[in-house]
Structures are given as structure tokens and as C-alpha cells.
C-alpha atoms as a PDB file:
ATOM      1  CA  UNK A   1     112.453  76.137  68.989  1.00  0.00           C
ATOM      2  CA  UNK A   2     109.681  76.767  71.438  1.00  0.00           C
ATOM      3  CA  UNK A   3     111.135  74.448  74.133  1.00  0.00           C
ATOM      4  CA  UNK A   4     114.570  76.259  73.850  1.00  0.00           C
ATOM      5  CA  UNK A   5     113.007  79.452  74.598  1.00  0.00           C
ATOM      6  CA  UNK A   6     111.065  78.232  77.652  1.00  0.00           C
ATOM      7  CA  UNK A   7     115.186  76.966  78.470  1.00  0.00           C
ATOM      8  CA  UNK A   8     115.539  80.594  78.153  1.00  0.00           C
ATOM      9  CA  UNK A   9     112.619  81.906  80.196  1.00  0.00           C
ATOM     10  CA  UNK A  10     112.869  79.190  83.137  1.00  0.00           C
ATOM     11  CA  UNK A  11     116.264  80.682  83.095  1.00  0.00           C
ATOM     12  CA  UNK A  12     115.666  84.064  83.821  1.00  0.00           C
ATOM     13  CA  UNK A  13     113.658  83.166  86.191  1.00  0.00           C
ATOM     14  CA  UNK A  14     115.227  80.974  88.195  1.00  0.00           C
ATOM     15  CA  UNK A  15     118.074  83.688  88.045  1.00  0.00           C
ATOM     16  CA  UNK A  16     115.559  86.354  89.133  1.00  0.00           C
ATOM     17  CA  UNK A  17     114.781  83.596  92.626  1.00  0.00           C
ATOM     18  CA  UNK A  18     118.077  83.715  93.484  1.00  0.00           C
ATOM     19  CA  UNK A  19     119.149  87.454  93.184  1.00  0.00           C
ATOM     20  CA  UNK A  20     116.332  88.135  95.105  1.00  0.00           C
ATOM     21  CA  UNK A  21     116.815  85.457  97.383  1.00  0.00           C
ATOM     22  CA  UNK A  22     120.559  86.569  98.053  1.00  0.00           C
ATOM     23  CA  UNK A  23     118.787  89.959  98.654  1.00  0.00           C
ATOM     24  CA  UNK A  24     116.854  89.246 101.474  1.00  0.00           C
ATOM     25  CA  UNK A  25     120.441  88.965 103.581  1.00  0.00           C
ATOM     26  CA  UNK A  26     120.280  92.457 103.317  1.00  0.00           C
ATOM     27  CA  UNK A  27     116.609  92.951 103.642  1.00  0.00           C
ATOM     28  CA  UNK A  28     115.946  91.552 105.919  1.00  0.00           C
ATOM     29  CA  UNK A  29     119.402  92.431 108.101  1.00  0.00           C
ATOM     30  CA  UNK A  30     117.900  93.994 110.705  1.00  0.00           C
ATOM     31  CA  UNK A  31     116.702  91.332 112.765  1.00  0.00           C
ATOM     32  CA  UNK A  32     119.001  88.733 110.998  1.00  0.00           C
ATOM     33  CA  UNK A  33     118.436  86.466 113.868  1.00  0.00           C
ATOM     34  CA  UNK A  34     115.222  86.114 113.047  1.00  0.00           C
ATOM     35  CA  UNK A  35     115.332  84.738 109.565  1.00  0.00           C
ATOM     36  CA  UNK A  36     119.146  83.671 108.839  1.00  0.00           C
ATOM     37  CA  UNK A  37     117.889  79.988 108.515  1.00  0.00           C
ATOM     38  CA  UNK A  38     114.437  80.365 106.206  1.00  0.00           C
ATOM     39  CA  UNK A  39     116.777  82.577 103.848  1.00  0.00           C
ATOM     40  CA  UNK A  40     119.564  80.571 103.390  1.00  0.00           C
ATOM     41  CA  UNK A  41     117.054  77.638 103.319  1.00  0.00           C
ATOM     42  CA  UNK A  42     115.636  79.048 100.212  1.00  0.00           C
ATOM     43  CA  UNK A  43     119.061  80.329  98.830  1.00  0.00           C
ATOM     44  CA  UNK A  44     120.061  76.543  98.821  1.00  0.00           C
ATOM     45  CA  UNK A  45     116.824  74.805  97.546  1.00  0.00           C
ATOM     46  CA  UNK A  46     116.862  77.735  94.595  1.00  0.00           C
ATOM     47  CA  UNK A  47     120.801  77.589  93.933  1.00  0.00           C
ATOM     48  CA  UNK A  48     119.644  73.203  94.064  1.00  0.00           C
ATOM     49  CA  UNK A  49     117.305  74.058  91.476  1.00  0.00           C
ATOM     50  CA  UNK A  50     119.503  75.656  88.835  1.00  0.00           C
ATOM     51  CA  UNK A  51     122.206  73.064  89.532  1.00  0.00           C
ATOM     52  CA  UNK A  52     119.548  70.164  89.383  1.00  0.00           C
ATOM     53  CA  UNK A  53     118.052  71.627  85.659  1.00  0.00           C
ATOM     54  CA  UNK A  54     121.714  72.382  84.196  1.00  0.00           C
ATOM     55  CA  UNK A  55     122.672  69.065  85.025  1.00  0.00           C
ATOM     56  CA  UNK A  56     119.581  67.461  83.325  1.00  0.00           C
ATOM     57  CA  UNK A  57     118.974  69.134  79.772  1.00  0.00           C
ATOM     58  CA  UNK A  58     121.491  68.203  77.341  1.00  0.00           C
ATOM     59  CA  UNK A  59     122.763  70.385  74.418  1.00  0.00           C
ATOM     60  CA  UNK A  60     120.901  73.329  73.153  1.00  0.00           C
ATOM     61  CA  UNK A  61     118.316  73.360  75.913  1.00  0.00           C
ATOM     62  CA  UNK A  62     121.381  73.063  78.727  1.00  0.00           C
ATOM     63  CA  UNK A  63     122.876  76.138  76.203  1.00  0.00           C
ATOM     64  CA  UNK A  64     119.426  77.959  76.235  1.00  0.00           C
ATOM     65  CA  UNK A  65     119.035  77.865  79.855  1.00  0.00           C
ATOM     66  CA  UNK A  66     122.467  79.163  80.633  1.00  0.00           C
ATOM     67  CA  UNK A  67     121.867  82.166  78.574  1.00  0.00           C
ATOM     68  CA  UNK A  68     119.199  82.787  80.175  1.00  0.00           C
ATOM     69  CA  UNK A  69     120.387  82.536  83.819  1.00  0.00           C
ATOM     70  CA  UNK A  70     123.427  85.159  82.115  1.00  0.00           C
ATOM     71  CA  UNK A  71     121.363  86.790  80.389  1.00  0.00           C
ATOM     72  CA  UNK A  72     119.623  88.153  84.012  1.00  0.00           C
ATOM     73  CA  UNK A  73     122.737  88.970  85.659  1.00  0.00           C
ATOM     74  CA  UNK A  74     123.872  90.702  83.161  1.00  0.00           C
ATOM     75  CA  UNK A  75     120.573  93.144  82.876  1.00  0.00           C
ATOM     76  CA  UNK A  76     120.609  92.734  86.258  1.00  0.00           C
ATOM     77  CA  UNK A  77     123.906  94.020  86.585  1.00  0.00           C
ATOM     78  CA  UNK A  78     124.245  97.009  84.070  1.00  0.00           C
ATOM     79  CA  UNK A  79     120.426  98.167  85.534  1.00  0.00           C
ATOM     80  CA  UNK A  80     122.075  98.382  89.127  1.00  0.00           C
ATOM     81  CA  UNK A  81     125.090 100.601  87.266  1.00  0.00           C
ATOM     82  CA  UNK A  82     123.191 103.194  85.050  1.00  0.00           C
ATOM     83  CA  UNK A  83     120.390 103.744  88.208  1.00  0.00           C
ATOM     84  CA  UNK A  84     123.036 104.944  90.601  1.00  0.00           C
ATOM     85  CA  UNK A  85     124.618 107.292  87.176  1.00  0.00           C
ATOM     86  CA  UNK A  86     120.856 108.496  87.016  1.00  0.00           C
ATOM     87  CA  UNK A  87     121.013 109.583  90.769  1.00  0.00           C
ATOM     88  CA  UNK A  88     124.453 110.968  90.848  1.00  0.00           C
ATOM     89  CA  UNK A  89     123.538 113.026  88.247  1.00  0.00           C
ATOM     90  CA  UNK A  90     120.526 113.570  89.069  1.00  0.00           C
ATOM     91  CA  UNK A  91     121.644 115.194  92.758  1.00  0.00           C
ATOM     92  CA  UNK A  92     124.421 117.310  91.021  1.00  0.00           C
ATOM     93  CA  UNK A  93     121.879 119.094  89.430  1.00  0.00           C
END
């Protein structure tokens, strides 16, 4: 049980790192020529870590890891849209 919780949290953490790495493209777009290589390397490394853990883990640990990744992805999307709706609602007043 404890190992599954740790796998879930590892999945959340690696999903967070991958999404943050992808945001690096947007954040540094004004100087993309200088930072394209480090950003792409970080995205590839985190994606490779995700792949390694998915292939290495077995059974319930693998399910917990993937569930953690999906949980954070859904959480991130929901928070984004709630923020957009709040901004629209608050700027109308």
C-alpha cells in the first residue's frame, strides 16, 4: 500500500515536471533561439523518465504511477478552466 502511494506521488511529480518543461517553450519564446536546446533536452529527459518508470513498474504500482499522472493532468486542466471562467466572470462586473 505504501509503495503504491509513493508510485502515485512519483507519477504526479513527473507529470508536473513534464508540463512545466513544456511551459518553458512558451515562457522563453522571446529568446527561443538561445534556449531551444536546453528546453528540448529537459522535455526529452522527463519523457524518457516517464517511459522508463511505466515500463519498469509492474501491476498495481504501474497503475498507481499512471493514475498519478492522469490525476495531475486532469487537475491542471480543471484548474486552468476554472481560472479562465473566474477571470471572465470577475471582469464582467
